[in-house]
Amino acid sequence: MIVRYPVPAAEHVFEQEIKQSRFIATVTYAPDAAAARARIAEIAARYPDATHNCWAFLAGIGPGAEFGMSDDGEPGGTAGRPMLMVLQGSGIGDIAAVVTRYFGGVKLGSGGLVRAYGGTLQKALATLPLREQVVRRSGLLIVDYAQYEQLRRLLSSCDALIQEEHFAAQVTLRVALPLDQWETCAAAVRDLSNGSVELLPLDAQPVSSE
């Protein structure tokens, strides 16, 4: 499982002209398929007079990622598929892209369309601002007040996010740890507390690091 991967940090637009046709690539963050389709619809709505609004998305990364694509009226396989291939080859996850075309009167042919849509998106990705996405597992810790400060310092060294803290007879912490740090941190918690505290797993979720 890929634990850390780049995702779009912000929406990004790249535009170029190819044989009098105007191609506009808009790339944005999309953490799941529903978000991707919503963002694609929103972007396409900005260009209601365009000849085509072709798109592709990749929610997640690697073999388990959800994906989708559309040629939006261009000949089959000449727009959405080459765009998806560019996304899959980029190493970037959680990403949606729309390439808008305003036809300029010169037909490009199937090969020309593949190069135009794939190439425009590739150029957009070359200047796309990125941030890191980290898959984290949430866990619970119940500690005595005497152990609290030391434990907080340990969690900080493990790149943990403190999601919740509840102070009662003991302190209950809900934390989110990078999946690749989980076992190391769990062992360190046991060592620090002489086995009296356990890191109890809850779930795994993607969390972005700015």
N, C-alpha and C. Protein backbone atom coordinates (compact mmCIF):
# COMPACT_ATOMS: atom_id res chain seq x y z
N MET A 1 0.84 -1.20 0.00
CA MET A 1 0.00 0.00 0.00
C MET A 1 0.88 1.26 0.00
N ILE A 2 0.55 2.20 -0.87
CA ILE A 2 1.27 3.48 -0.91
C ILE A 2 0.76 4.36 0.23
N VAL A 3 1.65 4.81 1.08
CA VAL A 3 1.27 5.56 2.28
C VAL A 3 1.42 7.07 2.08
N ARG A 4 2.41 7.49 1.29
CA ARG A 4 2.65 8.92 1.06
C ARG A 4 2.72 9.17 -0.45
N TYR A 5 1.97 10.16 -0.90
CA TYR A 5 1.97 10.45 -2.34
C TYR A 5 1.56 11.91 -2.58
N PRO A 6 1.99 12.49 -3.70
CA PRO A 6 1.64 13.88 -4.00
C PRO A 6 0.22 14.00 -4.53
N VAL A 7 -0.43 15.11 -4.17
CA VAL A 7 -1.76 15.45 -4.68
C VAL A 7 -1.76 16.94 -5.05
N PRO A 8 -2.72 17.39 -5.87
CA PRO A 8 -2.77 18.83 -6.20
C PRO A 8 -2.95 19.69 -4.95
N ALA A 9 -2.16 20.74 -4.86
CA ALA A 9 -2.29 21.67 -3.74
C ALA A 9 -3.34 22.74 -4.00
N ALA A 10 -3.66 22.97 -5.27
CA ALA A 10 -4.62 24.00 -5.64
C ALA A 10 -5.06 23.73 -7.08
N GLU A 11 -6.16 24.32 -7.44
CA GLU A 11 -6.58 24.22 -8.84
C GLU A 11 -5.54 24.92 -9.73
N HIS A 12 -5.30 24.34 -10.91
CA HIS A 12 -4.25 24.85 -11.79
C HIS A 12 -4.76 24.81 -13.22
N VAL A 13 -4.45 25.85 -13.99
CA VAL A 13 -4.93 25.96 -15.37
C VAL A 13 -3.74 26.18 -16.31
N PHE A 14 -3.75 25.47 -17.42
CA PHE A 14 -2.75 25.65 -18.47
C PHE A 14 -3.48 25.72 -19.80
N GLU A 15 -3.05 26.64 -20.66
CA GLU A 15 -3.73 26.82 -21.94
C GLU A 15 -2.71 26.88 -23.07
N GLN A 16 -3.05 26.28 -24.20
CA GLN A 16 -2.22 26.40 -25.39
C GLN A 16 -3.10 26.31 -26.64
N GLU A 17 -2.53 26.76 -27.78
CA GLU A 17 -3.23 26.69 -29.06
C GLU A 17 -2.52 25.66 -29.94
N ILE A 18 -3.31 24.80 -30.56
CA ILE A 18 -2.78 23.79 -31.48
C ILE A 18 -3.59 23.85 -32.77
N LYS A 19 -2.95 24.25 -33.83
CA LYS A 19 -3.61 24.35 -35.14
C LYS A 19 -4.96 25.06 -35.04
N GLN A 20 -4.92 26.21 -34.43
CA GLN A 20 -6.05 27.14 -34.30
C GLN A 20 -7.10 26.70 -33.28
N SER A 21 -6.97 25.51 -32.73
CA SER A 21 -7.87 25.10 -31.66
C SER A 21 -7.26 25.51 -30.32
N ARG A 22 -8.12 25.97 -29.43
CA ARG A 22 -7.69 26.39 -28.09
C ARG A 22 -7.94 25.24 -27.12
N PHE A 23 -6.90 24.82 -26.41
CA PHE A 23 -7.00 23.75 -25.42
C PHE A 23 -6.69 24.32 -24.03
N ILE A 24 -7.60 24.11 -23.09
CA ILE A 24 -7.44 24.62 -21.72
C ILE A 24 -7.51 23.43 -20.76
N ALA A 25 -6.43 23.15 -20.07
CA ALA A 25 -6.41 22.07 -19.07
C ALA A 25 -6.62 22.67 -17.69
N THR A 26 -7.60 22.15 -16.97
CA THR A 26 -7.86 22.54 -15.58
C THR A 26 -7.69 21.30 -14.71
N VAL A 27 -6.82 21.41 -13.72
CA VAL A 27 -6.49 20.27 -12.86
C VAL A 27 -6.82 20.64 -11.42
N THR A 28 -7.41 19.69 -10.68
CA THR A 28 -7.82 20.00 -9.32
C THR A 28 -7.74 18.77 -8.43
N TYR A 29 -7.84 18.99 -7.14
CA TYR A 29 -7.81 17.91 -6.14
C TYR A 29 -9.17 17.22 -6.07
N ALA A 30 -9.16 15.89 -6.00
CA ALA A 30 -10.40 15.11 -5.92
C ALA A 30 -10.15 13.86 -5.08
N PRO A 31 -10.55 13.86 -3.80
CA PRO A 31 -10.22 12.75 -2.91
C PRO A 31 -11.01 11.47 -3.17
N ASP A 32 -12.15 11.57 -3.88
CA ASP A 32 -12.93 10.37 -4.19
C ASP A 32 -13.69 10.61 -5.49
N ALA A 33 -14.35 9.56 -5.98
CA ALA A 33 -15.01 9.63 -7.28
C ALA A 33 -16.13 10.66 -7.29
N ALA A 34 -16.89 10.74 -6.21
CA ALA A 34 -18.00 11.70 -6.15
C ALA A 34 -17.48 13.13 -6.21
N ALA A 35 -16.42 13.41 -5.48
CA ALA A 35 -15.81 14.75 -5.51
C ALA A 35 -15.26 15.05 -6.88
N ALA A 36 -14.65 14.05 -7.53
CA ALA A 36 -14.08 14.25 -8.86
C ALA A 36 -15.17 14.63 -9.86
N ARG A 37 -16.29 13.89 -9.84
CA ARG A 37 -17.37 14.18 -10.79
C ARG A 37 -17.99 15.55 -10.53
N ALA A 38 -18.09 15.92 -9.26
CA ALA A 38 -18.63 17.25 -8.93
C ALA A 38 -17.72 18.36 -9.42
N ARG A 39 -16.41 18.20 -9.22
CA ARG A 39 -15.46 19.22 -9.65
C ARG A 39 -15.42 19.30 -11.18
N ILE A 40 -15.49 18.15 -11.85
CA ILE A 40 -15.49 18.12 -13.32
C ILE A 40 -16.71 18.88 -13.86
N ALA A 41 -17.88 18.63 -13.27
CA ALA A 41 -19.10 19.32 -13.70
C ALA A 41 -18.99 20.83 -13.48
N GLU A 42 -18.39 21.21 -12.37
CA GLU A 42 -18.22 22.63 -12.05
C GLU A 42 -17.28 23.30 -13.06
N ILE A 43 -16.18 22.62 -13.38
CA ILE A 43 -15.22 23.19 -14.34
C ILE A 43 -15.84 23.28 -15.73
N ALA A 44 -16.52 22.22 -16.17
CA ALA A 44 -17.14 22.22 -17.50
C ALA A 44 -18.18 23.33 -17.62
N ALA A 45 -18.87 23.62 -16.51
CA ALA A 45 -19.91 24.66 -16.54
C ALA A 45 -19.32 26.06 -16.79
N ARG A 46 -18.03 26.22 -16.56
CA ARG A 46 -17.39 27.52 -16.83
C ARG A 46 -17.24 27.77 -18.34
N TYR A 47 -17.30 26.69 -19.12
CA TYR A 47 -17.07 26.79 -20.56
C TYR A 47 -18.28 26.22 -21.32
N PRO A 48 -19.46 26.79 -21.13
CA PRO A 48 -20.66 26.22 -21.75
C PRO A 48 -20.65 26.29 -23.28
N ASP A 49 -19.84 27.20 -23.83
CA ASP A 49 -19.79 27.36 -25.29
C ASP A 49 -18.63 26.59 -25.92
N ALA A 50 -17.91 25.79 -25.11
CA ALA A 50 -16.78 25.03 -25.65
C ALA A 50 -17.27 23.92 -26.57
N THR A 51 -16.42 23.52 -27.50
CA THR A 51 -16.75 22.41 -28.39
C THR A 51 -16.77 21.10 -27.62
N HIS A 52 -15.80 20.90 -26.72
CA HIS A 52 -15.70 19.69 -25.91
C HIS A 52 -15.13 20.02 -24.54
N ASN A 53 -15.61 19.32 -23.52
CA ASN A 53 -15.00 19.34 -22.19
C ASN A 53 -14.69 17.89 -21.84
N CYS A 54 -13.51 17.43 -22.22
CA CYS A 54 -13.10 16.05 -21.98
C CYS A 54 -12.44 15.95 -20.61
N TRP A 55 -12.56 14.78 -20.00
CA TRP A 55 -12.05 14.69 -18.62
C TRP A 55 -11.57 13.30 -18.25
N ALA A 56 -10.81 13.28 -17.15
CA ALA A 56 -10.35 12.03 -16.54
C ALA A 56 -10.07 12.32 -15.07
N PHE A 57 -10.19 11.29 -14.24
CA PHE A 57 -9.84 11.46 -12.83
C PHE A 57 -9.24 10.19 -12.28
N LEU A 58 -8.51 10.37 -11.19
CA LEU A 58 -7.86 9.28 -10.47
C LEU A 58 -8.05 9.58 -8.98
N ALA A 59 -8.92 8.82 -8.31
CA ALA A 59 -9.17 9.01 -6.88
C ALA A 59 -8.41 7.93 -6.12
N GLY A 60 -7.40 8.34 -5.35
CA GLY A 60 -6.46 7.41 -4.75
C GLY A 60 -5.21 7.37 -5.61
N ILE A 61 -4.46 6.29 -5.49
CA ILE A 61 -3.25 6.13 -6.31
C ILE A 61 -2.93 4.65 -6.42
N GLY A 62 -2.28 4.29 -7.51
CA GLY A 62 -1.89 2.90 -7.68
C GLY A 62 -3.03 2.02 -8.18
N PRO A 63 -2.85 0.70 -8.15
CA PRO A 63 -3.82 -0.23 -8.72
C PRO A 63 -5.21 -0.15 -8.10
N GLY A 64 -5.31 0.26 -6.83
CA GLY A 64 -6.60 0.31 -6.17
C GLY A 64 -7.37 1.61 -6.37
N ALA A 65 -6.84 2.54 -7.13
CA ALA A 65 -7.48 3.84 -7.31
C ALA A 65 -8.74 3.72 -8.15
N GLU A 66 -9.75 4.53 -7.82
CA GLU A 66 -10.93 4.67 -8.67
C GLU A 66 -10.56 5.60 -9.83
N PHE A 67 -11.15 5.36 -10.99
CA PHE A 67 -10.85 6.25 -12.12
C PHE A 67 -12.08 6.37 -13.02
N GLY A 68 -12.05 7.41 -13.85
CA GLY A 68 -13.10 7.62 -14.84
C GLY A 68 -12.56 8.50 -15.94
N MET A 69 -13.28 8.54 -17.07
CA MET A 69 -12.83 9.34 -18.21
C MET A 69 -13.98 9.56 -19.17
N SER A 70 -13.88 10.58 -20.00
CA SER A 70 -14.89 10.86 -21.01
C SER A 70 -14.26 11.59 -22.19
N ASP A 71 -14.67 11.18 -23.42
CA ASP A 71 -14.24 11.87 -24.64
C ASP A 71 -15.15 13.04 -24.98
N ASP A 72 -16.30 13.13 -24.35
CA ASP A 72 -17.26 14.24 -24.54
C ASP A 72 -17.45 14.58 -26.03
N GLY A 73 -17.69 13.57 -26.82
CA GLY A 73 -18.01 13.82 -28.23
C GLY A 73 -16.84 13.73 -29.19
N GLU A 74 -15.62 13.72 -28.69
CA GLU A 74 -14.48 13.49 -29.57
C GLU A 74 -14.48 12.00 -29.97
N PRO A 75 -13.81 11.63 -31.07
CA PRO A 75 -13.75 10.22 -31.45
C PRO A 75 -13.27 9.35 -30.30
N GLY A 76 -13.89 8.17 -30.15
CA GLY A 76 -13.62 7.29 -29.02
C GLY A 76 -12.14 7.01 -28.82
N GLY A 77 -11.67 7.20 -27.58
CA GLY A 77 -10.29 6.89 -27.23
C GLY A 77 -9.28 7.96 -27.55
N THR A 78 -9.73 9.12 -28.04
CA THR A 78 -8.77 10.15 -28.46
C THR A 78 -8.56 11.24 -27.40
N ALA A 79 -9.35 11.24 -26.34
CA ALA A 79 -9.25 12.33 -25.36
C ALA A 79 -9.19 11.80 -23.93
N GLY A 80 -10.28 11.21 -23.45
CA GLY A 80 -10.33 10.75 -22.06
C GLY A 80 -9.28 9.72 -21.74
N ARG A 81 -9.09 8.73 -22.62
CA ARG A 81 -8.11 7.68 -22.33
C ARG A 81 -6.68 8.21 -22.29
N PRO A 82 -6.24 8.98 -23.29
CA PRO A 82 -4.87 9.52 -23.17
C PRO A 82 -4.70 10.42 -21.95
N MET A 83 -5.74 11.14 -21.57
CA MET A 83 -5.66 11.95 -20.35
C MET A 83 -5.50 11.07 -19.12
N LEU A 84 -6.29 9.99 -19.05
CA LEU A 84 -6.17 9.08 -17.91
C LEU A 84 -4.78 8.45 -17.86
N MET A 85 -4.24 8.10 -19.00
CA MET A 85 -2.90 7.50 -19.03
C MET A 85 -1.85 8.48 -18.51
N VAL A 86 -2.02 9.76 -18.83
CA VAL A 86 -1.10 10.78 -18.31
C VAL A 86 -1.21 10.84 -16.78
N LEU A 87 -2.44 10.84 -16.26
CA LEU A 87 -2.62 10.88 -14.81
C LEU A 87 -2.01 9.65 -14.15
N GLN A 88 -2.26 8.48 -14.72
CA GLN A 88 -1.74 7.24 -14.13
C GLN A 88 -0.21 7.18 -14.15
N GLY A 89 0.38 7.81 -15.14
CA GLY A 89 1.83 7.80 -15.23
C GLY A 89 2.52 8.92 -14.48
N SER A 90 1.73 9.82 -13.89
CA SER A 90 2.31 11.01 -13.25
C SER A 90 2.81 10.76 -11.84
N GLY A 91 2.30 9.72 -11.17
CA GLY A 91 2.63 9.51 -9.76
C GLY A 91 1.84 10.39 -8.82
N ILE A 92 0.89 11.17 -9.36
CA ILE A 92 0.05 12.06 -8.56
C ILE A 92 -1.28 11.36 -8.32
N GLY A 93 -1.81 11.47 -7.10
CA GLY A 93 -3.09 10.85 -6.78
C GLY A 93 -4.15 11.88 -6.48
N ASP A 94 -5.38 11.40 -6.30
CA ASP A 94 -6.52 12.25 -5.92
C ASP A 94 -6.62 13.47 -6.83
N ILE A 95 -6.73 13.22 -8.11
CA ILE A 95 -6.62 14.29 -9.11
C ILE A 95 -7.71 14.16 -10.17
N ALA A 96 -8.28 15.28 -10.55
CA ALA A 96 -9.26 15.33 -11.65
C ALA A 96 -8.80 16.38 -12.65
N ALA A 97 -9.03 16.10 -13.93
CA ALA A 97 -8.58 17.02 -14.98
C ALA A 97 -9.66 17.15 -16.06
N VAL A 98 -9.85 18.36 -16.50
CA VAL A 98 -10.72 18.65 -17.65
C VAL A 98 -9.87 19.35 -18.69
N VAL A 99 -9.91 18.87 -19.92
CA VAL A 99 -9.29 19.60 -21.02
C VAL A 99 -10.42 20.10 -21.93
N THR A 100 -10.55 21.40 -21.97
CA THR A 100 -11.59 22.08 -22.74
C THR A 100 -11.04 22.43 -24.11
N ARG A 101 -11.85 22.19 -25.15
CA ARG A 101 -11.40 22.52 -26.50
C ARG A 101 -12.39 23.47 -27.17
N TYR A 102 -11.84 24.52 -27.75
CA TYR A 102 -12.58 25.38 -28.66
C TYR A 102 -12.05 25.11 -30.06
N PHE A 103 -12.85 24.50 -30.89
CA PHE A 103 -12.42 24.09 -32.22
C PHE A 103 -12.10 25.30 -33.08
N GLY A 104 -10.93 25.23 -33.75
CA GLY A 104 -10.49 26.37 -34.55
C GLY A 104 -10.63 26.19 -36.05
N GLY A 105 -11.26 25.09 -36.47
CA GLY A 105 -11.51 24.92 -37.90
C GLY A 105 -10.61 23.93 -38.60
N VAL A 106 -9.53 23.50 -37.93
CA VAL A 106 -8.59 22.55 -38.54
C VAL A 106 -8.71 21.21 -37.79
N LYS A 107 -9.07 20.14 -38.54
CA LYS A 107 -9.18 18.82 -37.92
C LYS A 107 -7.78 18.27 -37.62
N LEU A 108 -7.65 17.62 -36.47
CA LEU A 108 -6.33 17.12 -36.04
C LEU A 108 -6.13 15.64 -36.34
N GLY A 109 -7.19 14.91 -36.64
CA GLY A 109 -7.07 13.47 -36.83
C GLY A 109 -6.92 12.78 -35.48
N SER A 110 -7.11 11.45 -35.48
CA SER A 110 -7.08 10.71 -34.22
C SER A 110 -5.76 10.86 -33.48
N GLY A 111 -4.66 10.68 -34.19
CA GLY A 111 -3.34 10.80 -33.55
C GLY A 111 -3.09 12.20 -33.04
N GLY A 112 -3.51 13.19 -33.80
CA GLY A 112 -3.34 14.58 -33.37
C GLY A 112 -4.15 14.90 -32.13
N LEU A 113 -5.36 14.33 -32.04
CA LEU A 113 -6.19 14.56 -30.85
C LEU A 113 -5.58 13.91 -29.61
N VAL A 114 -5.09 12.69 -29.77
CA VAL A 114 -4.43 12.01 -28.65
C VAL A 114 -3.27 12.84 -28.13
N ARG A 115 -2.46 13.34 -29.05
CA ARG A 115 -1.30 14.16 -28.65
C ARG A 115 -1.75 15.48 -28.04
N ALA A 116 -2.81 16.07 -28.58
CA ALA A 116 -3.27 17.38 -28.09
C ALA A 116 -3.83 17.27 -26.67
N TYR A 117 -4.71 16.30 -26.45
CA TYR A 117 -5.31 16.17 -25.12
C TYR A 117 -4.30 15.67 -24.09
N GLY A 118 -3.57 14.62 -24.44
CA GLY A 118 -2.57 14.11 -23.51
C GLY A 118 -1.45 15.11 -23.27
N GLY A 119 -1.00 15.76 -24.34
CA GLY A 119 0.11 16.71 -24.23
C GLY A 119 -0.26 17.96 -23.45
N THR A 120 -1.48 18.46 -23.64
CA THR A 120 -1.92 19.64 -22.89
C THR A 120 -1.98 19.34 -21.41
N LEU A 121 -2.53 18.17 -21.07
CA LEU A 121 -2.59 17.79 -19.65
C LEU A 121 -1.20 17.59 -19.08
N GLN A 122 -0.32 16.98 -19.85
CA GLN A 122 1.04 16.75 -19.37
C GLN A 122 1.75 18.07 -19.06
N LYS A 123 1.56 19.06 -19.91
CA LYS A 123 2.16 20.38 -19.67
C LYS A 123 1.56 21.04 -18.43
N ALA A 124 0.26 20.83 -18.21
CA ALA A 124 -0.37 21.38 -17.01
C ALA A 124 0.22 20.76 -15.75
N LEU A 125 0.45 19.44 -15.79
CA LEU A 125 1.01 18.76 -14.61
C LEU A 125 2.44 19.19 -14.32
N ALA A 126 3.14 19.60 -15.35
CA ALA A 126 4.55 19.99 -15.16
C ALA A 126 4.69 21.20 -14.24
N THR A 127 3.65 22.03 -14.17
CA THR A 127 3.71 23.24 -13.32
C THR A 127 2.65 23.20 -12.21
N LEU A 128 2.07 22.04 -11.97
CA LEU A 128 1.03 21.90 -10.95
C LEU A 128 1.62 21.97 -9.55
N PRO A 129 1.13 22.85 -8.67
CA PRO A 129 1.61 22.86 -7.28
C PRO A 129 1.10 21.62 -6.55
N LEU A 130 1.97 21.01 -5.74
CA LEU A 130 1.65 19.75 -5.08
C LEU A 130 1.81 19.86 -3.57
N ARG A 131 1.14 18.98 -2.86
CA ARG A 131 1.35 18.78 -1.43
C ARG A 131 1.33 17.27 -1.17
N GLU A 132 1.75 16.88 0.01
CA GLU A 132 1.83 15.45 0.32
C GLU A 132 0.56 14.95 1.00
N GLN A 133 0.07 13.83 0.52
CA GLN A 133 -1.03 13.13 1.17
C GLN A 133 -0.45 11.96 1.96
N VAL A 134 -0.89 11.80 3.20
CA VAL A 134 -0.38 10.73 4.06
C VAL A 134 -1.57 9.89 4.51
N VAL A 135 -1.49 8.59 4.29
CA VAL A 135 -2.52 7.69 4.81
C VAL A 135 -2.20 7.42 6.28
N ARG A 136 -3.14 7.76 7.13
CA ARG A 136 -2.93 7.65 8.58
C ARG A 136 -3.94 6.68 9.19
N ARG A 137 -3.53 6.04 10.27
CA ARG A 137 -4.45 5.21 11.06
C ARG A 137 -4.74 5.95 12.36
N SER A 138 -6.02 6.02 12.68
CA SER A 138 -6.42 6.64 13.96
C SER A 138 -6.35 5.61 15.08
N GLY A 139 -5.99 6.09 16.25
CA GLY A 139 -5.90 5.21 17.41
C GLY A 139 -6.24 5.94 18.70
N LEU A 140 -6.51 5.17 19.73
CA LEU A 140 -6.81 5.72 21.05
C LEU A 140 -5.71 5.36 22.03
N LEU A 141 -5.43 6.31 22.92
CA LEU A 141 -4.48 6.10 24.02
C LEU A 141 -5.14 6.59 25.30
N ILE A 142 -5.06 5.80 26.34
CA ILE A 142 -5.56 6.21 27.66
C ILE A 142 -4.38 6.19 28.62
N VAL A 143 -4.05 7.37 29.14
CA VAL A 143 -2.81 7.50 29.92
C VAL A 143 -3.06 8.23 31.23
N ASP A 144 -2.19 7.97 32.20
CA ASP A 144 -2.22 8.73 33.45
C ASP A 144 -1.61 10.12 33.21
N TYR A 145 -1.99 11.04 34.08
CA TYR A 145 -1.47 12.40 33.94
C TYR A 145 0.06 12.44 34.07
N ALA A 146 0.61 11.55 34.85
CA ALA A 146 2.07 11.53 35.05
C ALA A 146 2.80 11.16 33.76
N GLN A 147 2.13 10.46 32.87
CA GLN A 147 2.76 10.02 31.61
C GLN A 147 2.44 10.96 30.44
N TYR A 148 1.52 11.87 30.67
CA TYR A 148 0.95 12.65 29.57
C TYR A 148 1.99 13.45 28.79
N GLU A 149 2.82 14.24 29.45
CA GLU A 149 3.76 15.11 28.75
C GLU A 149 4.79 14.30 27.97
N GLN A 150 5.32 13.24 28.59
CA GLN A 150 6.28 12.40 27.88
C GLN A 150 5.65 11.76 26.64
N LEU A 151 4.41 11.33 26.79
CA LEU A 151 3.71 10.70 25.68
C LEU A 151 3.47 11.69 24.54
N ARG A 152 3.11 12.90 24.88
CA ARG A 152 2.90 13.93 23.86
C ARG A 152 4.19 14.16 23.07
N ARG A 153 5.33 14.22 23.74
CA ARG A 153 6.60 14.42 23.06
C ARG A 153 6.90 13.23 22.14
N LEU A 154 6.61 12.03 22.61
CA LEU A 154 6.82 10.83 21.79
C LEU A 154 5.95 10.87 20.54
N LEU A 155 4.69 11.23 20.70
CA LEU A 155 3.77 11.29 19.57
C LEU A 155 4.23 12.32 18.54
N SER A 156 4.75 13.44 19.02
CA SER A 156 5.26 14.46 18.11
C SER A 156 6.41 13.92 17.28
N SER A 157 7.27 13.12 17.89
CA SER A 157 8.40 12.55 17.16
C SER A 157 7.96 11.50 16.14
N CYS A 158 6.75 10.98 16.29
CA CYS A 158 6.19 10.00 15.35
C CYS A 158 5.34 10.66 14.26
N ASP A 159 5.34 12.01 14.20
CA ASP A 159 4.51 12.75 13.22
C ASP A 159 3.03 12.47 13.43
N ALA A 160 2.61 12.36 14.68
CA ALA A 160 1.20 12.10 14.99
C ALA A 160 0.39 13.39 14.97
N LEU A 161 -0.86 13.30 14.52
CA LEU A 161 -1.82 14.39 14.65
C LEU A 161 -2.71 14.08 15.85
N ILE A 162 -2.82 15.03 16.77
CA ILE A 162 -3.72 14.86 17.91
C ILE A 162 -5.10 15.32 17.47
N GLN A 163 -6.03 14.39 17.36
CA GLN A 163 -7.37 14.72 16.87
C GLN A 163 -8.31 15.14 18.00
N GLU A 164 -8.19 14.48 19.15
CA GLU A 164 -9.04 14.81 20.30
C GLU A 164 -8.27 14.51 21.59
N GLU A 165 -8.59 15.28 22.64
CA GLU A 165 -8.08 14.99 23.98
C GLU A 165 -9.24 15.15 24.96
N HIS A 166 -9.37 14.18 25.86
CA HIS A 166 -10.43 14.24 26.87
C HIS A 166 -9.78 14.03 28.24
N PHE A 167 -9.98 15.01 29.11
CA PHE A 167 -9.35 14.98 30.43
C PHE A 167 -10.38 14.60 31.49
N ALA A 168 -10.18 13.46 32.12
CA ALA A 168 -11.04 13.00 33.22
C ALA A 168 -10.13 12.39 34.28
N ALA A 169 -10.48 11.22 34.82
CA ALA A 169 -9.59 10.56 35.77
C ALA A 169 -8.26 10.23 35.12
N GLN A 170 -8.31 9.92 33.82
CA GLN A 170 -7.13 9.76 32.98
C GLN A 170 -7.32 10.61 31.72
N VAL A 171 -6.28 10.66 30.90
CA VAL A 171 -6.36 11.42 29.65
C VAL A 171 -6.58 10.43 28.50
N THR A 172 -7.61 10.69 27.70
CA THR A 172 -7.87 9.89 26.51
C THR A 172 -7.52 10.72 25.28
N LEU A 173 -6.66 10.18 24.46
CA LEU A 173 -6.24 10.88 23.24
C LEU A 173 -6.65 10.07 22.02
N ARG A 174 -7.20 10.75 21.05
CA ARG A 174 -7.41 10.17 19.72
C ARG A 174 -6.34 10.76 18.82
N VAL A 175 -5.54 9.91 18.21
CA VAL A 175 -4.41 10.37 17.41
C VAL A 175 -4.49 9.74 16.01
N ALA A 176 -3.85 10.38 15.04
CA ALA A 176 -3.74 9.83 13.69
C ALA A 176 -2.27 9.75 13.33
N LEU A 177 -1.79 8.53 13.11
CA LEU A 177 -0.38 8.28 12.82
C LEU A 177 -0.20 7.86 11.37
N PRO A 178 0.89 8.30 10.72
CA PRO A 178 1.19 7.75 9.40
C PRO A 178 1.24 6.23 9.47
N LEU A 179 0.64 5.58 8.50
CA LEU A 179 0.56 4.12 8.52
C LEU A 179 1.95 3.48 8.61
N ASP A 180 2.94 4.13 7.99
CA ASP A 180 4.29 3.57 8.02
C ASP A 180 5.02 3.83 9.33
N GLN A 181 4.40 4.59 10.24
CA GLN A 181 4.98 4.85 11.56
C GLN A 181 4.25 4.10 12.67
N TRP A 182 3.15 3.43 12.32
CA TRP A 182 2.28 2.86 13.35
C TRP A 182 2.99 1.87 14.26
N GLU A 183 3.61 0.86 13.70
CA GLU A 183 4.22 -0.19 14.51
C GLU A 183 5.35 0.35 15.39
N THR A 184 6.16 1.23 14.78
CA THR A 184 7.28 1.82 15.54
C THR A 184 6.77 2.63 16.72
N CYS A 185 5.74 3.43 16.48
CA CYS A 185 5.22 4.28 17.55
C CYS A 185 4.50 3.44 18.60
N ALA A 186 3.75 2.43 18.17
CA ALA A 186 3.06 1.57 19.14
C ALA A 186 4.06 0.90 20.08
N ALA A 187 5.19 0.44 19.52
CA ALA A 187 6.22 -0.19 20.34
C ALA A 187 6.84 0.82 21.29
N ALA A 188 7.06 2.04 20.80
CA ALA A 188 7.66 3.08 21.65
C ALA A 188 6.73 3.46 22.80
N VAL A 189 5.42 3.49 22.53
CA VAL A 189 4.44 3.77 23.59
C VAL A 189 4.49 2.70 24.67
N ARG A 190 4.57 1.44 24.25
CA ARG A 190 4.65 0.35 25.22
C ARG A 190 5.92 0.45 26.06
N ASP A 191 7.04 0.77 25.38
CA ASP A 191 8.32 0.89 26.10
C ASP A 191 8.28 2.04 27.10
N LEU A 192 7.75 3.17 26.67
CA LEU A 192 7.71 4.35 27.53
C LEU A 192 6.87 4.11 28.79
N SER A 193 5.78 3.36 28.62
CA SER A 193 4.85 3.14 29.73
C SER A 193 5.09 1.82 30.47
N ASN A 194 6.20 1.15 30.12
CA ASN A 194 6.48 -0.16 30.70
C ASN A 194 5.32 -1.14 30.49
N GLY A 195 4.67 -1.02 29.34
CA GLY A 195 3.60 -1.94 28.97
C GLY A 195 2.23 -1.59 29.50
N SER A 196 2.10 -0.45 30.20
CA SER A 196 0.80 -0.11 30.80
C SER A 196 -0.13 0.62 29.83
N VAL A 197 0.41 1.12 28.70
CA VAL A 197 -0.40 1.85 27.72
C VAL A 197 -0.29 1.16 26.36
N GLU A 198 -1.44 0.97 25.71
CA GLU A 198 -1.46 0.38 24.38
C GLU A 198 -2.09 1.38 23.40
N LEU A 199 -1.55 1.40 22.20
CA LEU A 199 -2.12 2.20 21.12
C LEU A 199 -3.18 1.34 20.44
N LEU A 200 -4.44 1.72 20.57
CA LEU A 200 -5.54 0.91 20.06
C LEU A 200 -5.98 1.41 18.69
N PRO A 201 -5.90 0.59 17.64
CA PRO A 201 -6.22 1.07 16.28
C PRO A 201 -7.71 1.29 16.08
N LEU A 202 -8.03 2.32 15.28
CA LEU A 202 -9.42 2.60 14.93
C LEU A 202 -9.68 2.43 13.44
N ASP A 203 -8.95 3.19 12.59
CA ASP A 203 -9.18 3.11 11.16
C ASP A 203 -7.99 3.69 10.42
N ALA A 204 -8.06 3.63 9.10
CA ALA A 204 -7.03 4.25 8.24
C ALA A 204 -7.70 5.23 7.31
N GLN A 205 -7.10 6.39 7.13
CA GLN A 205 -7.69 7.42 6.29
C GLN A 205 -6.60 8.30 5.70
N PRO A 206 -6.83 8.85 4.47
CA PRO A 206 -5.85 9.77 3.91
C PRO A 206 -5.94 11.14 4.55
N VAL A 207 -4.81 11.69 4.93
CA VAL A 207 -4.75 13.03 5.52
C VAL A 207 -3.65 13.79 4.83
N SER A 208 -3.94 15.01 4.41
CA SER A 208 -2.93 15.79 3.70
C SER A 208 -2.03 16.52 4.66
N SER A 209 -0.78 16.65 4.28
CA SER A 209 0.19 17.43 5.04
C SER A 209 0.54 18.67 4.24
N GLU A 210 0.23 19.83 4.79
CA GLU A 210 0.51 21.08 4.05
C GLU A 210 2.00 21.33 4.00
